[in-house]
C-alpha cells in the first residue's frame, strides 16, 4: 500500500471501514487506552476534532491493550468510557495491535513511513500520526506530545 487510504479497519461498532472514505481529509491517527496516564489527552483530541472537523480534520482512535493492559475492556466498555468521560464523538475503531507480530497493517504502514527516534515500533499509548489529504504520513508525535501542540501542523495541512 502506498498510502493510508489503501487500508481498512473495523469500527468500534463492528462495521468494516475503508480509510479511502477519508480521502481529502487530514487524519490524526492515535492509538488510545482508557487506563493510561495519557488518557486525559482524549479531551484535547476531541477539542481538535470539534474545532477543525468541518474544515476537514478527522481524528481516528485505535484502542490497544498492548501497554501494561491499559485497555482491558470490551469495545462497548471503551465506547462508553470515551463518551461519558470525554464526550468523544470522533471515529473510534476496535482494539488493534500496534506492535509485534500481529500489528494491524495500518500501523505497520504508519511506523514504516514515520519511524520513531529510538525504535520504529509504537512504544506507548497515544502515539499520534498526522496524515495529509492524500493519505501520506506527514509526521509522528510522541505520547507525551499534547494534542494542542499539534494544532499548528494540522492548520498548515488544512490550509
N, C-alpha and C. Protein backbone atom coordinates (compact mmCIF):
# COMPACT_ATOMS: atom_id res chain seq x y z
N UNK A 1 0.85 -1.19 0.00
CA UNK A 1 0.00 0.00 0.00
C UNK A 1 0.89 1.25 0.00
N UNK A 2 0.56 2.17 -0.87
CA UNK A 2 1.40 3.36 -0.95
C UNK A 2 0.92 4.46 0.00
N UNK A 3 -0.33 4.39 0.45
CA UNK A 3 -0.79 5.38 1.42
C UNK A 3 -1.88 4.80 2.31
N UNK A 4 -2.26 5.58 3.30
CA UNK A 4 -3.21 5.17 4.33
C UNK A 4 -4.58 4.79 3.74
N UNK A 5 -4.95 5.41 2.63
CA UNK A 5 -6.27 5.16 2.04
C UNK A 5 -6.45 3.74 1.53
N UNK A 6 -5.38 2.99 1.42
CA UNK A 6 -5.47 1.60 0.96
C UNK A 6 -5.84 0.62 2.04
N UNK A 7 -5.97 1.07 3.27
CA UNK A 7 -6.25 0.17 4.40
C UNK A 7 -7.70 0.27 4.84
N UNK A 8 -8.12 -0.73 5.59
CA UNK A 8 -9.42 -0.67 6.23
C UNK A 8 -9.25 -1.20 7.65
N UNK A 9 -10.24 -0.92 8.48
CA UNK A 9 -10.20 -1.37 9.88
C UNK A 9 -11.64 -1.51 10.36
N UNK A 10 -11.81 -2.25 11.43
CA UNK A 10 -13.14 -2.47 12.00
C UNK A 10 -13.45 -1.35 13.00
N UNK A 11 -14.58 -0.70 12.79
CA UNK A 11 -15.04 0.34 13.71
C UNK A 11 -15.38 -0.29 15.06
N UNK A 12 -15.43 0.53 16.09
CA UNK A 12 -15.74 0.03 17.43
C UNK A 12 -17.15 -0.57 17.47
N UNK A 13 -17.98 -0.20 16.51
CA UNK A 13 -19.35 -0.73 16.41
C UNK A 13 -19.39 -2.08 15.70
N UNK A 14 -18.24 -2.50 15.11
CA UNK A 14 -18.18 -3.79 14.44
C UNK A 14 -18.22 -3.72 12.92
N UNK A 15 -18.47 -2.54 12.37
CA UNK A 15 -18.54 -2.38 10.91
C UNK A 15 -17.15 -2.16 10.33
N UNK A 16 -16.90 -2.78 9.18
CA UNK A 16 -15.63 -2.58 8.46
C UNK A 16 -15.66 -1.18 7.83
N UNK A 17 -14.53 -0.45 7.93
CA UNK A 17 -14.46 0.91 7.39
C UNK A 17 -13.20 1.04 6.53
N UNK A 18 -13.39 1.43 5.28
CA UNK A 18 -12.26 1.69 4.40
C UNK A 18 -11.72 3.08 4.71
N UNK A 19 -10.41 3.19 4.87
CA UNK A 19 -9.84 4.51 5.12
C UNK A 19 -9.87 5.37 3.86
N UNK A 20 -10.20 4.77 2.72
CA UNK A 20 -10.41 5.55 1.49
C UNK A 20 -11.60 6.49 1.67
N UNK A 21 -12.49 6.17 2.62
CA UNK A 21 -13.63 7.05 2.91
C UNK A 21 -13.17 8.41 3.44
N UNK A 22 -11.91 8.48 3.87
CA UNK A 22 -11.37 9.72 4.44
C UNK A 22 -10.50 10.49 3.44
N UNK A 23 -10.56 10.09 2.16
CA UNK A 23 -9.79 10.83 1.14
C UNK A 23 -10.20 12.29 1.18
N UNK A 24 -9.20 13.16 1.06
CA UNK A 24 -9.47 14.60 1.10
C UNK A 24 -9.50 15.18 2.50
N UNK A 25 -9.33 14.33 3.51
CA UNK A 25 -9.33 14.78 4.91
C UNK A 25 -7.92 14.67 5.49
N UNK A 26 -7.61 15.55 6.43
CA UNK A 26 -6.39 15.43 7.23
C UNK A 26 -6.73 14.47 8.36
N UNK A 27 -5.87 13.49 8.60
CA UNK A 27 -6.13 12.50 9.64
C UNK A 27 -5.11 12.60 10.77
N UNK A 28 -5.59 12.47 11.99
CA UNK A 28 -4.73 12.30 13.14
C UNK A 28 -5.07 10.92 13.70
N UNK A 29 -4.17 9.96 13.47
CA UNK A 29 -4.38 8.57 13.88
C UNK A 29 -3.68 8.37 15.21
N UNK A 30 -4.42 7.88 16.21
CA UNK A 30 -3.89 7.78 17.57
C UNK A 30 -4.21 6.41 18.15
N UNK A 31 -3.19 5.75 18.75
CA UNK A 31 -3.50 4.54 19.50
C UNK A 31 -3.82 4.96 20.93
N UNK A 32 -4.96 4.52 21.42
CA UNK A 32 -5.51 5.03 22.68
C UNK A 32 -5.63 3.94 23.74
N UNK A 33 -5.88 4.38 24.97
CA UNK A 33 -6.14 3.46 26.09
C UNK A 33 -6.90 4.22 27.17
N UNK A 34 -7.77 3.52 27.86
CA UNK A 34 -8.64 4.15 28.86
C UNK A 34 -8.03 4.27 30.25
N UNK A 35 -6.96 3.51 30.52
CA UNK A 35 -6.40 3.49 31.86
C UNK A 35 -4.91 3.86 31.86
N UNK A 36 -4.60 4.90 31.11
CA UNK A 36 -3.21 5.33 30.90
C UNK A 36 -3.03 6.73 31.48
N UNK A 37 -1.83 7.08 31.85
CA UNK A 37 -1.55 8.44 32.32
C UNK A 37 -1.85 9.49 31.26
N UNK A 38 -1.83 9.07 29.99
CA UNK A 38 -2.10 10.00 28.89
C UNK A 38 -3.58 10.02 28.49
N UNK A 39 -4.42 9.22 29.14
CA UNK A 39 -5.84 9.13 28.79
C UNK A 39 -6.53 10.50 28.74
N UNK A 40 -6.17 11.45 29.63
CA UNK A 40 -6.81 12.78 29.53
C UNK A 40 -6.60 13.47 28.18
N UNK A 41 -5.68 12.96 27.35
CA UNK A 41 -5.50 13.54 26.02
C UNK A 41 -6.75 13.36 25.15
N UNK A 42 -7.63 12.44 25.53
CA UNK A 42 -8.90 12.31 24.81
C UNK A 42 -9.59 13.68 24.72
N UNK A 43 -9.49 14.45 25.80
CA UNK A 43 -10.12 15.77 25.85
C UNK A 43 -9.54 16.69 24.77
N UNK A 44 -8.22 16.73 24.67
CA UNK A 44 -7.57 17.57 23.66
C UNK A 44 -7.84 17.09 22.25
N UNK A 45 -7.89 15.76 22.07
CA UNK A 45 -8.20 15.21 20.75
C UNK A 45 -9.61 15.60 20.33
N UNK A 46 -10.54 15.53 21.28
CA UNK A 46 -11.92 15.91 20.98
C UNK A 46 -12.01 17.40 20.66
N UNK A 47 -11.24 18.23 21.37
CA UNK A 47 -11.24 19.67 21.10
C UNK A 47 -10.74 19.96 19.69
N UNK A 48 -9.67 19.27 19.27
CA UNK A 48 -9.17 19.45 17.90
C UNK A 48 -10.24 19.03 16.90
N UNK A 49 -10.88 17.91 17.17
CA UNK A 49 -11.93 17.39 16.29
C UNK A 49 -13.08 18.40 16.18
N UNK A 50 -13.52 18.91 17.33
CA UNK A 50 -14.62 19.88 17.33
C UNK A 50 -14.24 21.15 16.55
N UNK A 51 -13.01 21.59 16.72
CA UNK A 51 -12.56 22.85 16.14
C UNK A 51 -12.33 22.75 14.63
N UNK A 52 -11.81 21.60 14.17
CA UNK A 52 -11.36 21.50 12.78
C UNK A 52 -12.08 20.47 11.92
N UNK A 53 -13.03 19.74 12.47
CA UNK A 53 -13.70 18.70 11.68
C UNK A 53 -14.38 19.28 10.45
N UNK A 54 -15.07 20.40 10.60
CA UNK A 54 -15.77 20.99 9.46
C UNK A 54 -14.80 21.51 8.39
N UNK A 55 -13.53 21.74 8.79
CA UNK A 55 -12.51 22.19 7.83
C UNK A 55 -11.79 21.01 7.19
N UNK A 56 -12.10 19.79 7.67
CA UNK A 56 -11.51 18.62 7.03
C UNK A 56 -10.62 17.75 7.89
N UNK A 57 -10.66 17.90 9.22
CA UNK A 57 -9.86 17.03 10.10
C UNK A 57 -10.69 15.87 10.61
N UNK A 58 -10.10 14.68 10.59
CA UNK A 58 -10.69 13.52 11.26
C UNK A 58 -9.66 12.99 12.26
N UNK A 59 -10.10 12.78 13.47
CA UNK A 59 -9.27 12.11 14.48
C UNK A 59 -9.74 10.66 14.50
N UNK A 60 -8.82 9.72 14.37
CA UNK A 60 -9.17 8.30 14.37
C UNK A 60 -8.52 7.62 15.55
N UNK A 61 -9.34 7.12 16.48
CA UNK A 61 -8.85 6.47 17.68
C UNK A 61 -8.79 4.95 17.52
N UNK A 62 -7.64 4.38 17.83
CA UNK A 62 -7.44 2.93 17.76
C UNK A 62 -7.01 2.42 19.13
N UNK A 63 -7.95 1.93 19.93
CA UNK A 63 -7.59 1.38 21.24
C UNK A 63 -6.64 0.19 21.10
N UNK A 64 -5.72 0.11 22.05
CA UNK A 64 -4.79 -1.02 22.08
C UNK A 64 -4.54 -1.40 23.54
N UNK A 65 -4.48 -2.69 23.78
CA UNK A 65 -4.26 -3.19 25.14
C UNK A 65 -2.83 -3.74 25.28
N UNK A 66 -1.91 -3.25 24.48
CA UNK A 66 -0.56 -3.82 24.45
C UNK A 66 0.41 -3.21 25.45
N UNK A 67 0.02 -2.16 26.13
CA UNK A 67 0.93 -1.49 27.04
C UNK A 67 0.38 -1.59 28.47
N UNK A 68 0.91 -2.54 29.22
CA UNK A 68 0.53 -2.76 30.62
C UNK A 68 -0.98 -2.95 30.80
N UNK A 69 -1.64 -3.58 29.83
CA UNK A 69 -3.08 -3.88 29.92
C UNK A 69 -3.91 -2.67 30.29
N UNK A 70 -3.61 -1.53 29.65
CA UNK A 70 -4.30 -0.29 29.99
C UNK A 70 -5.59 -0.07 29.19
N UNK A 71 -5.96 -1.08 28.38
CA UNK A 71 -7.24 -1.03 27.67
C UNK A 71 -7.88 -2.41 27.74
N UNK A 72 -8.27 -2.83 28.95
CA UNK A 72 -8.76 -4.20 29.15
C UNK A 72 -10.22 -4.43 28.76
N UNK A 73 -10.99 -3.37 28.59
CA UNK A 73 -12.43 -3.52 28.40
C UNK A 73 -12.83 -3.99 27.02
N UNK A 74 -14.12 -4.25 26.88
CA UNK A 74 -14.70 -4.62 25.59
C UNK A 74 -14.87 -3.35 24.75
N UNK A 75 -15.21 -3.53 23.48
CA UNK A 75 -15.45 -2.37 22.62
C UNK A 75 -16.56 -1.50 23.21
N UNK A 76 -17.59 -2.14 23.74
CA UNK A 76 -18.69 -1.37 24.34
C UNK A 76 -18.21 -0.59 25.56
N UNK A 77 -17.37 -1.22 26.39
CA UNK A 77 -16.81 -0.52 27.56
C UNK A 77 -16.01 0.71 27.14
N UNK A 78 -15.19 0.52 26.12
CA UNK A 78 -14.33 1.60 25.63
C UNK A 78 -15.18 2.75 25.10
N UNK A 79 -16.17 2.41 24.28
CA UNK A 79 -17.04 3.41 23.69
C UNK A 79 -17.76 4.22 24.78
N UNK A 80 -18.28 3.52 25.75
CA UNK A 80 -18.99 4.17 26.84
C UNK A 80 -18.06 5.06 27.66
N UNK A 81 -16.87 4.54 27.99
CA UNK A 81 -15.88 5.30 28.76
C UNK A 81 -15.54 6.61 28.04
N UNK A 82 -15.26 6.51 26.75
CA UNK A 82 -14.86 7.69 25.97
C UNK A 82 -15.96 8.72 25.89
N UNK A 83 -17.18 8.25 25.69
CA UNK A 83 -18.32 9.16 25.56
C UNK A 83 -18.65 9.82 26.91
N UNK A 84 -18.75 9.01 27.96
CA UNK A 84 -19.14 9.53 29.28
C UNK A 84 -18.08 10.45 29.87
N UNK A 85 -16.80 10.05 29.79
CA UNK A 85 -15.73 10.79 30.45
C UNK A 85 -15.15 11.94 29.63
N UNK A 86 -15.18 11.79 28.30
CA UNK A 86 -14.52 12.80 27.46
C UNK A 86 -15.39 13.31 26.31
N UNK A 87 -16.62 12.86 26.22
CA UNK A 87 -17.53 13.33 25.18
C UNK A 87 -17.03 13.03 23.77
N UNK A 88 -16.31 11.92 23.62
CA UNK A 88 -15.71 11.59 22.33
C UNK A 88 -16.77 11.33 21.27
N UNK A 89 -16.66 12.07 20.17
CA UNK A 89 -17.55 11.85 19.03
C UNK A 89 -16.76 11.51 17.76
N UNK A 90 -15.42 11.59 17.83
CA UNK A 90 -14.62 11.24 16.64
C UNK A 90 -14.63 9.72 16.45
N UNK A 91 -14.34 9.26 15.23
CA UNK A 91 -14.40 7.82 14.96
C UNK A 91 -13.44 7.00 15.82
N UNK A 92 -14.00 5.97 16.44
CA UNK A 92 -13.20 5.03 17.23
C UNK A 92 -13.29 3.66 16.56
N UNK A 93 -12.19 2.95 16.60
CA UNK A 93 -12.10 1.64 15.97
C UNK A 93 -11.99 0.56 17.04
N UNK A 94 -12.14 -0.69 16.62
CA UNK A 94 -11.96 -1.82 17.53
C UNK A 94 -10.50 -1.91 17.95
N UNK A 95 -10.28 -2.60 19.06
CA UNK A 95 -8.93 -2.78 19.56
C UNK A 95 -8.04 -3.43 18.52
N UNK A 96 -6.81 -2.94 18.43
CA UNK A 96 -5.83 -3.49 17.49
C UNK A 96 -4.48 -3.64 18.18
N UNK A 97 -3.63 -4.45 17.57
CA UNK A 97 -2.23 -4.50 17.98
C UNK A 97 -1.50 -3.44 17.17
N UNK A 98 -0.66 -2.65 17.85
CA UNK A 98 0.08 -1.59 17.18
C UNK A 98 1.58 -1.90 17.14
N UNK A 99 1.95 -3.08 17.66
CA UNK A 99 3.34 -3.54 17.61
C UNK A 99 3.34 -5.06 17.70
N UNK A 100 4.48 -5.66 17.36
CA UNK A 100 4.60 -7.11 17.46
C UNK A 100 4.13 -7.83 16.21
N UNK A 101 4.06 -9.16 16.32
CA UNK A 101 3.78 -9.99 15.14
C UNK A 101 2.37 -9.81 14.59
N UNK A 102 1.41 -9.39 15.41
CA UNK A 102 0.03 -9.22 14.94
C UNK A 102 -0.34 -7.75 14.72
N UNK A 103 0.67 -6.92 14.48
CA UNK A 103 0.41 -5.49 14.26
C UNK A 103 -0.57 -5.30 13.10
N UNK A 104 -1.57 -4.45 13.34
CA UNK A 104 -2.54 -4.13 12.30
C UNK A 104 -1.78 -3.55 11.11
N UNK A 105 -2.14 -3.94 9.87
CA UNK A 105 -1.44 -3.44 8.68
C UNK A 105 -1.34 -1.91 8.60
N UNK A 106 -2.35 -1.20 9.07
CA UNK A 106 -2.29 0.26 9.07
C UNK A 106 -1.10 0.74 9.89
N UNK A 107 -0.94 0.17 11.08
CA UNK A 107 0.16 0.60 11.95
C UNK A 107 1.51 0.13 11.43
N UNK A 108 1.55 -1.01 10.73
CA UNK A 108 2.79 -1.41 10.05
C UNK A 108 3.20 -0.32 9.07
N UNK A 109 2.23 0.19 8.32
CA UNK A 109 2.49 1.24 7.34
C UNK A 109 2.90 2.54 8.03
N UNK A 110 2.17 2.94 9.06
CA UNK A 110 2.45 4.20 9.74
C UNK A 110 3.88 4.24 10.28
N UNK A 111 4.31 3.17 10.96
CA UNK A 111 5.66 3.18 11.54
C UNK A 111 6.75 3.08 10.47
N UNK A 112 6.42 2.46 9.35
CA UNK A 112 7.39 2.40 8.25
C UNK A 112 7.58 3.80 7.65
N UNK A 113 6.48 4.52 7.50
CA UNK A 113 6.52 5.86 6.90
C UNK A 113 7.04 6.93 7.86
N UNK A 114 6.84 6.73 9.16
CA UNK A 114 7.28 7.71 10.16
C UNK A 114 7.92 6.96 11.33
N UNK A 115 9.17 6.51 11.11
CA UNK A 115 9.85 5.77 12.18
C UNK A 115 10.07 6.64 13.41
N UNK A 116 10.16 5.99 14.55
CA UNK A 116 10.40 6.72 15.79
C UNK A 116 11.86 7.06 15.96
N UNK A 117 12.17 7.80 17.00
CA UNK A 117 13.54 8.22 17.29
C UNK A 117 14.41 7.03 17.68
N UNK A 118 13.94 6.24 18.63
CA UNK A 118 14.72 5.13 19.16
C UNK A 118 14.39 3.83 18.43
N UNK A 119 13.11 3.64 18.16
CA UNK A 119 12.64 2.40 17.56
C UNK A 119 11.50 2.73 16.61
N UNK A 120 11.34 1.92 15.57
CA UNK A 120 10.25 2.16 14.63
C UNK A 120 8.89 1.83 15.24
N UNK A 121 8.86 0.82 16.11
CA UNK A 121 7.56 0.39 16.63
C UNK A 121 6.94 1.44 17.55
N UNK A 122 5.64 1.36 17.69
CA UNK A 122 4.92 2.22 18.62
C UNK A 122 5.36 1.80 20.03
N UNK A 123 5.80 2.79 20.81
CA UNK A 123 6.37 2.49 22.12
C UNK A 123 5.37 2.61 23.27
N UNK A 124 4.26 3.36 23.05
CA UNK A 124 3.31 3.55 24.15
C UNK A 124 1.99 4.08 23.60
N UNK A 125 0.99 4.09 24.47
CA UNK A 125 -0.33 4.64 24.13
C UNK A 125 -0.21 6.12 23.76
N UNK A 126 -1.12 6.55 22.91
CA UNK A 126 -1.24 7.94 22.49
C UNK A 126 -0.07 8.42 21.63
N UNK A 127 0.53 7.48 20.88
CA UNK A 127 1.43 7.87 19.80
C UNK A 127 0.50 8.36 18.69
N UNK A 128 0.88 9.47 18.06
CA UNK A 128 0.00 10.10 17.08
C UNK A 128 0.69 10.20 15.72
N UNK A 129 -0.08 9.95 14.66
CA UNK A 129 0.43 10.06 13.29
C UNK A 129 -0.45 11.05 12.54
N UNK A 130 0.19 12.04 11.91
CA UNK A 130 -0.54 13.03 11.12
C UNK A 130 -0.43 12.63 9.64
N UNK A 131 -1.59 12.59 8.99
CA UNK A 131 -1.69 12.13 7.60
C UNK A 131 -2.36 13.22 6.77
N UNK A 132 -1.80 13.50 5.59
CA UNK A 132 -2.38 14.55 4.75
C UNK A 132 -3.60 14.06 3.97
N UNK A 133 -4.20 14.97 3.21
CA UNK A 133 -5.43 14.69 2.48
C UNK A 133 -5.28 13.58 1.44
N UNK A 134 -4.05 13.33 1.00
CA UNK A 134 -3.78 12.29 0.01
C UNK A 134 -3.40 10.96 0.63
N UNK A 135 -3.45 10.88 1.97
CA UNK A 135 -3.15 9.63 2.64
C UNK A 135 -1.67 9.41 2.95
N UNK A 136 -0.86 10.46 2.78
CA UNK A 136 0.57 10.34 3.07
C UNK A 136 0.86 10.68 4.52
N UNK A 137 1.69 9.87 5.17
CA UNK A 137 2.06 10.13 6.56
C UNK A 137 3.03 11.31 6.57
N UNK A 138 2.66 12.35 7.32
CA UNK A 138 3.43 13.59 7.36
C UNK A 138 4.35 13.62 8.57
N UNK A 139 3.86 13.17 9.73
CA UNK A 139 4.66 13.26 10.94
C UNK A 139 4.16 12.27 11.99
N UNK A 140 5.01 12.07 12.98
CA UNK A 140 4.71 11.19 14.12
C UNK A 140 5.02 11.97 15.38
N UNK A 141 4.16 11.81 16.39
CA UNK A 141 4.32 12.53 17.64
C UNK A 141 4.35 11.55 18.80
N UNK A 142 5.19 11.85 19.77
CA UNK A 142 5.35 11.00 20.95
C UNK A 142 4.10 11.05 21.82
N UNK A 143 3.92 10.02 22.65
CA UNK A 143 2.76 10.01 23.55
C UNK A 143 2.64 11.27 24.41
N UNK A 144 3.76 11.80 24.86
CA UNK A 144 3.68 12.98 25.73
C UNK A 144 3.38 14.28 24.99
N UNK A 145 3.41 14.25 23.64
CA UNK A 145 3.03 15.44 22.87
C UNK A 145 1.53 15.64 23.01
N UNK A 146 1.15 16.78 23.57
CA UNK A 146 -0.27 17.06 23.78
C UNK A 146 -0.94 17.37 22.44
N UNK A 147 -2.21 17.00 22.30
CA UNK A 147 -2.93 17.29 21.05
C UNK A 147 -2.83 18.76 20.63
N UNK A 148 -2.94 19.68 21.60
CA UNK A 148 -2.91 21.10 21.26
C UNK A 148 -1.55 21.52 20.68
N UNK A 149 -0.49 20.74 20.97
CA UNK A 149 0.84 21.05 20.43
C UNK A 149 0.97 20.66 18.96
N UNK A 150 -0.01 19.95 18.44
CA UNK A 150 -0.02 19.52 17.03
C UNK A 150 -0.89 20.46 16.20
N UNK A 151 -1.61 21.34 16.86
CA UNK A 151 -2.60 22.18 16.18
C UNK A 151 -2.03 22.98 15.01
N UNK A 152 -0.84 23.56 15.18
CA UNK A 152 -0.23 24.35 14.11
C UNK A 152 0.04 23.50 12.88
N UNK A 153 0.53 22.27 13.09
CA UNK A 153 0.80 21.36 11.97
C UNK A 153 -0.50 20.99 11.26
N UNK A 154 -1.57 20.81 12.03
CA UNK A 154 -2.88 20.48 11.44
C UNK A 154 -3.37 21.66 10.60
N UNK A 155 -3.25 22.87 11.16
CA UNK A 155 -3.69 24.08 10.44
C UNK A 155 -2.96 24.21 9.11
N UNK A 156 -1.64 23.95 9.09
CA UNK A 156 -0.85 24.05 7.86
C UNK A 156 -1.41 23.12 6.79
N UNK A 157 -1.74 21.88 7.19
CA UNK A 157 -2.27 20.93 6.22
C UNK A 157 -3.67 21.32 5.75
N UNK A 158 -4.47 21.86 6.64
CA UNK A 158 -5.84 22.24 6.27
C UNK A 158 -5.85 23.45 5.34
N UNK A 159 -4.82 24.28 5.43
CA UNK A 159 -4.75 25.47 4.56
C UNK A 159 -4.05 25.07 3.30
